[in-house]
N, C-alpha and C. Protein backbone atom coordinates (compact mmCIF):
# COMPACT_ATOMS: atom_id res chain seq x y z
N ILE A 1 112.98 108.11 95.94
CA ILE A 1 113.66 108.61 97.06
C ILE A 1 114.68 109.80 96.05
N GLU A 2 115.48 110.65 97.13
CA GLU A 2 116.09 111.98 96.64
C GLU A 2 117.14 111.34 96.48
N SER A 3 117.73 112.39 95.44
CA SER A 3 119.30 111.66 95.49
C SER A 3 119.96 111.79 97.01
N PRO A 4 121.17 110.80 96.54
CA PRO A 4 122.22 111.55 97.25
C PRO A 4 122.38 112.64 97.98
N VAL A 5 123.19 113.63 97.60
CA VAL A 5 122.94 114.86 97.63
C VAL A 5 122.00 115.33 98.04
N MET A 6 121.11 115.59 97.89
CA MET A 6 119.92 116.23 98.07
C MET A 6 119.59 115.41 99.94
N ARG A 7 119.13 114.34 100.11
CA ARG A 7 119.19 113.22 101.22
C ARG A 7 119.98 114.39 101.95
N GLN A 8 121.71 114.78 101.97
CA GLN A 8 122.29 115.68 102.99
C GLN A 8 122.57 116.67 103.17
N ALA A 9 121.60 117.15 102.26
CA ALA A 9 121.56 118.49 102.91
C ALA A 9 120.49 119.32 102.90
N GLN A 10 119.50 117.19 103.32
CA GLN A 10 118.25 117.69 104.47
C GLN A 10 118.83 117.16 105.28
N GLY A 11 120.03 116.60 105.33
CA GLY A 11 120.38 116.08 107.37
C GLY A 11 119.98 114.77 107.46
N LYS A 12 119.46 113.83 106.44
CA LYS A 12 119.64 113.12 106.16
C LYS A 12 121.34 112.18 105.92
N VAL A 13 121.47 110.68 106.19
CA VAL A 13 122.49 110.22 105.57
C VAL A 13 122.08 109.50 104.00
N ALA A 14 123.26 109.83 102.96
CA ALA A 14 123.21 109.84 101.74
C ALA A 14 122.34 108.34 100.84
N GLN A 15 122.72 106.82 101.49
CA GLN A 15 121.75 105.89 101.14
C GLN A 15 120.55 105.95 101.94
N ALA A 16 119.45 105.48 100.87
CA ALA A 16 118.30 105.89 101.37
C ALA A 16 118.02 104.04 101.98
N THR A 17 117.05 104.17 102.87
CA THR A 17 116.64 102.94 103.66
C THR A 17 115.08 102.89 103.03
N ILE A 18 115.27 101.24 102.46
CA ILE A 18 113.90 100.62 102.38
C ILE A 18 113.46 99.23 102.84
N GLU A 19 112.48 99.52 104.93
CA GLU A 19 111.99 98.03 104.99
C GLU A 19 110.55 97.43 104.83
N ILE A 20 110.98 96.44 104.75
CA ILE A 20 109.69 95.80 104.39
C ILE A 20 109.60 94.58 105.12
N ARG A 21 108.49 94.92 105.60
CA ARG A 21 107.62 94.57 106.68
C ARG A 21 106.49 93.19 106.68
N ALA A 22 106.75 91.68 107.19
CA ALA A 22 104.88 91.56 107.64
C ALA A 22 104.51 90.84 108.41
N TYR A 23 103.51 90.63 108.85
CA TYR A 23 102.59 90.24 109.69
C TYR A 23 101.17 90.25 109.53
N HIS A 24 101.41 89.02 110.41
CA HIS A 24 99.45 89.06 110.14
C HIS A 24 98.51 89.74 111.37
N ARG A 25 97.78 89.80 110.99
CA ARG A 25 96.45 90.82 112.27
C ARG A 25 94.68 89.70 111.75
N GLY A 26 94.52 89.44 112.94
CA GLY A 26 93.17 88.59 112.13
C GLY A 26 93.49 87.80 111.30
N ASN A 27 92.13 88.23 110.34
CA ASN A 27 92.64 86.56 108.53
C ASN A 27 93.76 87.51 107.80
N GLN A 28 94.58 88.14 108.56
CA GLN A 28 94.59 89.14 107.01
C GLN A 28 96.28 88.93 107.46
N THR A 29 97.24 88.79 105.83
CA THR A 29 98.87 89.54 106.04
C THR A 29 98.76 90.19 105.70
N TYR A 30 100.13 91.53 106.28
CA TYR A 30 100.04 92.79 105.63
C TYR A 30 101.61 92.77 105.62
N ILE A 31 101.39 92.80 104.31
CA ILE A 31 102.66 93.94 103.85
C ILE A 31 103.13 94.57 103.97
N GLU A 32 104.10 95.59 104.60
CA GLU A 32 104.01 96.57 104.28
C GLU A 32 105.38 96.74 104.15
N VAL A 33 106.15 98.23 102.93
CA VAL A 33 107.04 98.77 102.45
C VAL A 33 107.22 99.86 102.52
N ARG A 34 107.99 100.34 103.15
CA ARG A 34 108.23 101.88 103.61
C ARG A 34 109.52 102.23 103.02
N ASP A 35 109.50 103.36 102.79
CA ASP A 35 111.52 104.45 102.63
C ASP A 35 111.11 105.29 103.54
N ASP A 36 112.58 106.08 103.46
CA ASP A 36 112.32 107.21 104.04
C ASP A 36 113.14 108.23 103.56
N GLY A 37 112.58 108.63 102.11
CA GLY A 37 112.36 109.59 101.29
C GLY A 37 111.80 110.72 101.54
N ARG A 38 111.70 111.47 99.98
CA ARG A 38 111.43 113.01 100.40
C ARG A 38 109.19 112.78 101.05
N GLY A 39 109.42 111.29 100.51
CA GLY A 39 107.52 111.30 100.29
C GLY A 39 106.61 111.53 99.15
N ILE A 40 105.50 111.88 98.93
CA ILE A 40 104.86 111.81 98.02
C ILE A 40 104.71 113.28 97.86
N ASP A 41 104.83 113.99 96.39
CA ASP A 41 104.69 114.87 95.93
C ASP A 41 103.12 115.39 96.06
N LEU A 42 102.01 116.68 97.13
CA LEU A 42 101.00 116.47 96.59
C LEU A 42 100.58 116.96 95.46
N GLU A 43 101.49 118.36 95.29
CA GLU A 43 101.60 119.33 94.30
C GLU A 43 101.34 118.59 92.89
N ALA A 44 102.61 118.03 92.75
CA ALA A 44 102.63 117.30 91.38
C ALA A 44 101.17 116.14 91.43
N ILE A 45 100.67 115.72 91.69
CA ILE A 45 99.43 115.10 92.03
C ILE A 45 98.44 116.20 91.57
N ARG A 46 98.30 116.76 92.19
CA ARG A 46 97.25 118.02 92.08
C ARG A 46 97.89 118.62 90.41
N GLN A 47 98.83 119.29 89.72
CA GLN A 47 99.23 119.46 88.68
C GLN A 47 98.73 118.35 87.70
N ARG A 48 99.16 117.31 87.88
CA ARG A 48 98.17 116.17 86.72
C ARG A 48 97.50 115.76 86.54
N LEU A 49 96.47 116.39 87.84
CA LEU A 49 94.91 116.03 87.79
C LEU A 49 94.48 116.87 87.08
N LEU A 50 94.70 118.62 86.82
CA LEU A 50 94.79 119.68 86.61
C LEU A 50 94.85 119.51 84.82
N GLU A 51 96.39 119.32 84.25
CA GLU A 51 96.86 118.61 83.44
C GLU A 51 95.94 117.36 82.05
N THR A 52 95.29 116.37 82.72
CA THR A 52 94.64 115.11 82.44
C THR A 52 93.30 115.65 82.66
N LYS A 53 92.78 116.69 83.61
CA LYS A 53 91.02 116.77 83.53
C LYS A 53 90.38 115.89 84.19
N LEU A 54 91.15 114.57 84.91
CA LEU A 54 90.49 113.64 85.15
C LEU A 54 90.08 114.32 86.37
N VAL A 55 89.60 115.72 87.13
CA VAL A 55 88.93 116.18 87.98
C VAL A 55 88.76 117.47 87.44
N GLU A 56 87.84 118.08 88.57
CA GLU A 56 87.20 119.48 87.67
C GLU A 56 87.88 120.51 88.36
N ALA A 57 88.43 121.03 87.92
CA ALA A 57 89.86 121.96 88.25
C ALA A 57 89.42 122.84 89.71
N GLU A 58 87.94 123.31 90.11
CA GLU A 58 87.70 123.00 91.43
C GLU A 58 87.66 122.84 92.49
N GLN A 59 87.55 121.53 92.44
CA GLN A 59 88.10 120.66 93.45
C GLN A 59 89.18 120.76 93.45
N VAL A 60 89.91 120.55 92.85
CA VAL A 60 91.53 119.87 92.73
C VAL A 60 92.02 120.32 94.12
N PRO A 61 92.08 121.35 94.46
CA PRO A 61 93.14 122.25 95.48
C PRO A 61 92.11 121.28 97.16
N THR A 62 91.00 120.86 96.90
CA THR A 62 90.49 120.64 98.76
C THR A 62 90.60 119.14 98.24
N LEU A 63 91.13 118.23 97.70
CA LEU A 63 91.49 116.71 98.02
C LEU A 63 91.93 116.30 98.82
N PRO A 64 91.80 115.86 99.97
CA PRO A 64 92.58 115.52 100.85
C PRO A 64 93.58 114.74 100.10
N PRO A 65 94.79 114.97 100.70
CA PRO A 65 96.07 113.21 100.80
C PRO A 65 95.57 112.40 100.15
N GLU A 66 94.72 111.37 101.19
CA GLU A 66 94.92 109.64 100.59
C GLU A 66 93.74 109.65 98.85
N GLN A 67 92.82 110.73 99.14
CA GLN A 67 92.01 111.14 98.05
C GLN A 67 93.20 110.38 96.11
N LEU A 68 93.52 112.21 97.15
CA LEU A 68 95.07 112.06 95.94
C LEU A 68 96.00 110.97 95.78
N TYR A 69 96.47 110.34 96.55
CA TYR A 69 96.78 109.04 96.47
C TYR A 69 96.23 107.84 96.03
N GLU A 70 94.90 108.29 95.56
CA GLU A 70 94.50 106.89 95.00
C GLU A 70 94.74 107.82 93.78
N TYR A 71 94.49 108.19 93.20
CA TYR A 71 95.37 109.10 91.86
C TYR A 71 96.19 108.28 90.73
N LEU A 72 97.48 107.68 92.18
CA LEU A 72 99.07 106.98 92.02
C LEU A 72 97.98 105.86 90.93
N PHE A 73 96.90 105.00 91.87
CA PHE A 73 96.81 103.67 90.90
C PHE A 73 96.31 103.76 89.86
N THR A 74 95.73 105.54 89.15
CA THR A 74 95.23 104.94 88.15
C THR A 74 95.95 104.80 86.97
N PRO A 75 94.99 104.35 85.71
CA PRO A 75 95.93 103.84 84.55
C PRO A 75 96.31 105.12 84.21
N ALA A 76 98.02 104.65 83.57
CA ALA A 76 98.38 106.37 83.12
C ALA A 76 98.82 106.87 83.19
N PHE A 77 99.05 107.26 84.81
CA PHE A 77 98.97 108.43 85.14
C PHE A 77 99.99 108.24 85.65
N SER A 78 101.44 109.97 86.06
CA SER A 78 102.08 109.81 86.47
C SER A 78 102.53 110.90 86.40
N THR A 79 102.97 111.44 87.62
CA THR A 79 104.26 112.57 88.34
C THR A 79 105.43 113.24 87.29
N ALA A 80 106.35 111.80 87.46
CA ALA A 80 107.11 111.94 86.63
C ALA A 80 107.89 113.49 85.31
N SER A 81 108.44 113.68 85.10
CA SER A 81 108.89 114.89 84.25
C SER A 81 109.18 113.59 82.92
N GLN A 82 110.19 112.87 83.08
CA GLN A 82 110.52 112.41 82.27
C GLN A 82 110.20 111.04 82.58
N VAL A 83 109.90 110.07 81.16
CA VAL A 83 109.90 108.50 81.26
C VAL A 83 111.51 107.95 81.35
N SER A 84 111.42 106.71 81.52
CA SER A 84 112.33 106.01 81.59
C SER A 84 112.58 104.55 81.82
N GLU A 85 113.24 104.02 81.01
CA GLU A 85 113.06 101.98 81.96
C GLU A 85 112.34 101.71 82.62
N LEU A 86 112.04 102.66 83.77
CA LEU A 86 111.53 102.03 84.85
C LEU A 86 110.64 102.40 85.29
N SER A 87 110.61 103.95 84.69
CA SER A 87 109.40 104.61 85.22
C SER A 87 108.91 106.03 84.29
N GLY A 88 107.64 105.85 84.69
CA GLY A 88 107.23 107.81 84.09
C GLY A 88 105.85 107.02 83.14
N ARG A 89 105.95 105.87 83.12
CA ARG A 89 104.65 105.34 82.01
C ARG A 89 103.43 105.39 83.39
N GLY A 90 102.80 105.05 84.04
CA GLY A 90 102.09 104.86 84.90
C GLY A 90 101.11 103.72 84.98
N MET A 91 102.38 102.98 85.00
CA MET A 91 101.63 101.27 84.93
C MET A 91 101.97 101.00 86.04
N GLY A 92 102.73 101.18 87.23
CA GLY A 92 103.81 100.51 88.04
C GLY A 92 102.04 100.14 88.80
N LEU A 93 101.72 100.96 89.64
CA LEU A 93 100.81 101.07 91.12
C LEU A 93 99.94 100.52 90.40
N GLU A 94 98.95 100.33 89.07
CA GLU A 94 97.47 99.94 88.70
C GLU A 94 98.09 98.85 88.20
N THR A 95 99.47 98.06 88.32
CA THR A 95 99.49 96.86 88.17
C THR A 95 99.62 96.17 89.15
N VAL A 96 100.16 96.78 89.76
CA VAL A 96 100.25 96.09 91.32
C VAL A 96 98.90 96.07 92.04
N ARG A 97 98.21 97.31 92.09
CA ARG A 97 96.88 97.42 92.22
C ARG A 97 95.57 96.04 92.04
N SER A 98 95.63 95.91 90.61
CA SER A 98 95.82 94.75 89.94
C SER A 98 95.84 93.38 90.51
N GLN A 99 97.02 93.28 90.65
CA GLN A 99 97.16 91.95 91.01
C GLN A 99 96.52 91.57 92.81
N VAL A 100 97.25 92.68 93.38
CA VAL A 100 95.99 92.32 94.71
C VAL A 100 94.55 92.25 94.61
N LYS A 101 93.93 93.10 93.87
CA LYS A 101 93.25 92.72 93.64
C LYS A 101 92.44 90.99 93.97
N SER A 102 93.36 90.70 92.04
CA SER A 102 93.10 89.30 91.68
C SER A 102 93.30 88.55 92.95
N LEU A 103 94.04 88.16 94.34
CA LEU A 103 93.89 87.79 95.05
C LEU A 103 92.91 88.22 96.31
N LYS A 104 92.25 89.05 96.56
CA LYS A 104 91.57 89.28 97.02
C LYS A 104 92.00 90.13 98.43
N GLY A 105 92.68 91.25 98.25
CA GLY A 105 93.60 91.86 98.85
C GLY A 105 92.92 93.85 98.35
N SER A 106 93.82 94.61 99.10
CA SER A 106 94.38 95.33 98.81
C SER A 106 95.41 96.29 99.05
N ILE A 107 95.69 97.66 98.88
CA ILE A 107 96.80 98.18 98.46
C ILE A 107 96.22 99.77 99.07
N SER A 108 97.24 100.27 99.99
CA SER A 108 96.80 101.58 100.82
C SER A 108 97.69 102.54 100.94
N VAL A 109 98.03 103.66 100.67
CA VAL A 109 99.55 104.50 100.75
C VAL A 109 98.94 105.35 101.30
N THR A 110 100.53 105.86 102.40
CA THR A 110 100.51 107.08 103.11
C THR A 110 101.51 107.27 103.13
N SER A 111 101.77 108.84 103.77
CA SER A 111 102.94 109.41 102.85
C SER A 111 103.05 110.72 103.71
N GLU A 112 104.42 111.13 103.66
CA GLU A 112 104.86 112.50 105.34
C GLU A 112 106.51 112.62 104.61
N PRO A 113 105.47 114.44 104.16
CA PRO A 113 106.80 115.02 102.87
C PRO A 113 107.68 115.11 103.98
N GLY A 114 109.04 114.99 103.57
CA GLY A 114 110.70 114.42 104.03
C GLY A 114 110.06 113.67 104.55
N GLN A 115 109.43 112.81 104.70
CA GLN A 115 109.63 111.76 105.91
C GLN A 115 110.16 110.04 105.06
N GLY A 116 108.88 109.87 104.46
CA GLY A 116 108.80 109.17 103.36
C GLY A 116 107.18 108.89 102.93
N THR A 117 107.25 107.26 102.29
CA THR A 117 105.97 106.92 102.05
C THR A 117 106.01 105.17 102.84
N LEU A 118 104.76 105.42 102.73
CA LEU A 118 104.26 103.04 103.36
C LEU A 118 103.35 102.90 102.49
N PHE A 119 103.80 101.89 101.81
CA PHE A 119 102.45 101.19 101.18
C PHE A 119 102.00 99.76 101.86
N THR A 120 100.80 99.70 101.93
CA THR A 120 100.74 98.38 102.45
C THR A 120 100.06 97.15 102.00
N LEU A 121 100.24 96.62 101.57
CA LEU A 121 99.66 95.34 101.00
C LEU A 121 98.03 94.54 101.43
N LYS A 122 97.36 94.46 101.83
CA LYS A 122 96.55 93.56 102.38
C LYS A 122 95.42 92.27 102.12
N LEU A 123 96.45 91.05 102.01
CA LEU A 123 96.56 89.61 102.18
C LEU A 123 95.24 88.75 102.57
N PRO A 124 94.29 87.91 101.98
CA PRO A 124 94.07 86.86 103.10
C PRO A 124 95.28 86.08 103.53
N LEU A 125 94.55 85.82 104.65
CA LEU A 125 95.67 84.70 105.70
C LEU A 125 96.08 83.34 104.76
N THR A 126 95.20 83.16 104.18
CA THR A 126 95.12 81.58 103.51
C THR A 126 95.51 81.70 102.37
N LEU A 127 95.84 82.75 102.02
CA LEU A 127 97.24 82.65 100.51
C LEU A 127 98.36 82.37 101.36
N THR A 128 99.02 83.53 102.59
CA THR A 128 99.90 83.04 102.91
C THR A 128 100.52 82.43 104.08
N ILE A 129 99.83 81.15 103.89
CA ILE A 129 100.08 79.88 104.84
C ILE A 129 99.68 78.66 104.70
N ALA A 130 101.37 78.01 104.37
CA ALA A 130 100.97 76.71 104.09
C ALA A 130 102.26 75.83 104.83
N LYS A 131 101.11 74.57 104.35
CA LYS A 131 101.14 72.99 105.96
C LYS A 131 102.23 73.04 105.24
N LEU A 132 103.62 73.12 106.25
CA LEU A 132 104.51 72.54 106.50
C LEU A 132 104.88 70.84 107.79
N LEU A 133 105.68 70.42 107.05
CA LEU A 133 105.56 69.32 107.95
C LEU A 133 107.66 69.63 108.20
N VAL A 134 107.97 69.27 109.55
CA VAL A 134 109.57 69.59 110.27
C VAL A 134 110.17 68.44 110.31
N PHE A 135 110.57 67.62 110.18
CA PHE A 135 110.89 66.49 111.21
C PHE A 135 112.75 66.64 111.59
N ALA A 136 113.00 65.36 111.54
CA ALA A 136 114.41 66.34 111.94
C ALA A 136 115.32 64.10 112.32
N VAL A 137 116.42 64.13 111.02
CA VAL A 137 116.40 62.41 110.51
C VAL A 137 118.26 62.58 111.81
N ASN A 138 118.18 61.72 112.59
CA ASN A 138 119.52 61.67 113.05
C ASN A 138 119.83 62.62 113.79
N GLY A 139 119.25 63.73 114.30
CA GLY A 139 119.46 64.76 114.94
C GLY A 139 118.92 66.25 114.35
N LYS A 140 119.48 65.89 113.05
CA LYS A 140 119.08 67.25 111.54
C LYS A 140 117.92 67.63 111.53
N LEU A 141 117.82 68.37 111.00
CA LEU A 141 116.62 69.62 110.28
C LEU A 141 116.57 68.51 109.62
């Protein structure tokens, strides 16, 4: 997410919005995490691919966005220019995908330049349903 000053220069409100939405469809639970930030910088991913030689140089310019997003989940892959306590080591998304896979789920990402990014987690519905008994005593739940 860009800085408040950058957001205002782009006609956005200074404070970013992160939306979390959960629902089920068929036998899966969907958890969507969406922001209204700058979106994922595809050129930064391409540049990092060239630097790390994860992909042949002649293939990098032709990779579609969906394939470029997948590299964000590669261990130690980061487009951050600086490492901080919270970011830049390339372990965050790889860890998330590993945990989601261990639950027999999946994660995907889509992004729109200047508009934001959407992460969608799909988990088996059976993991997200808990049996619950609700009753009232003297009219109180």
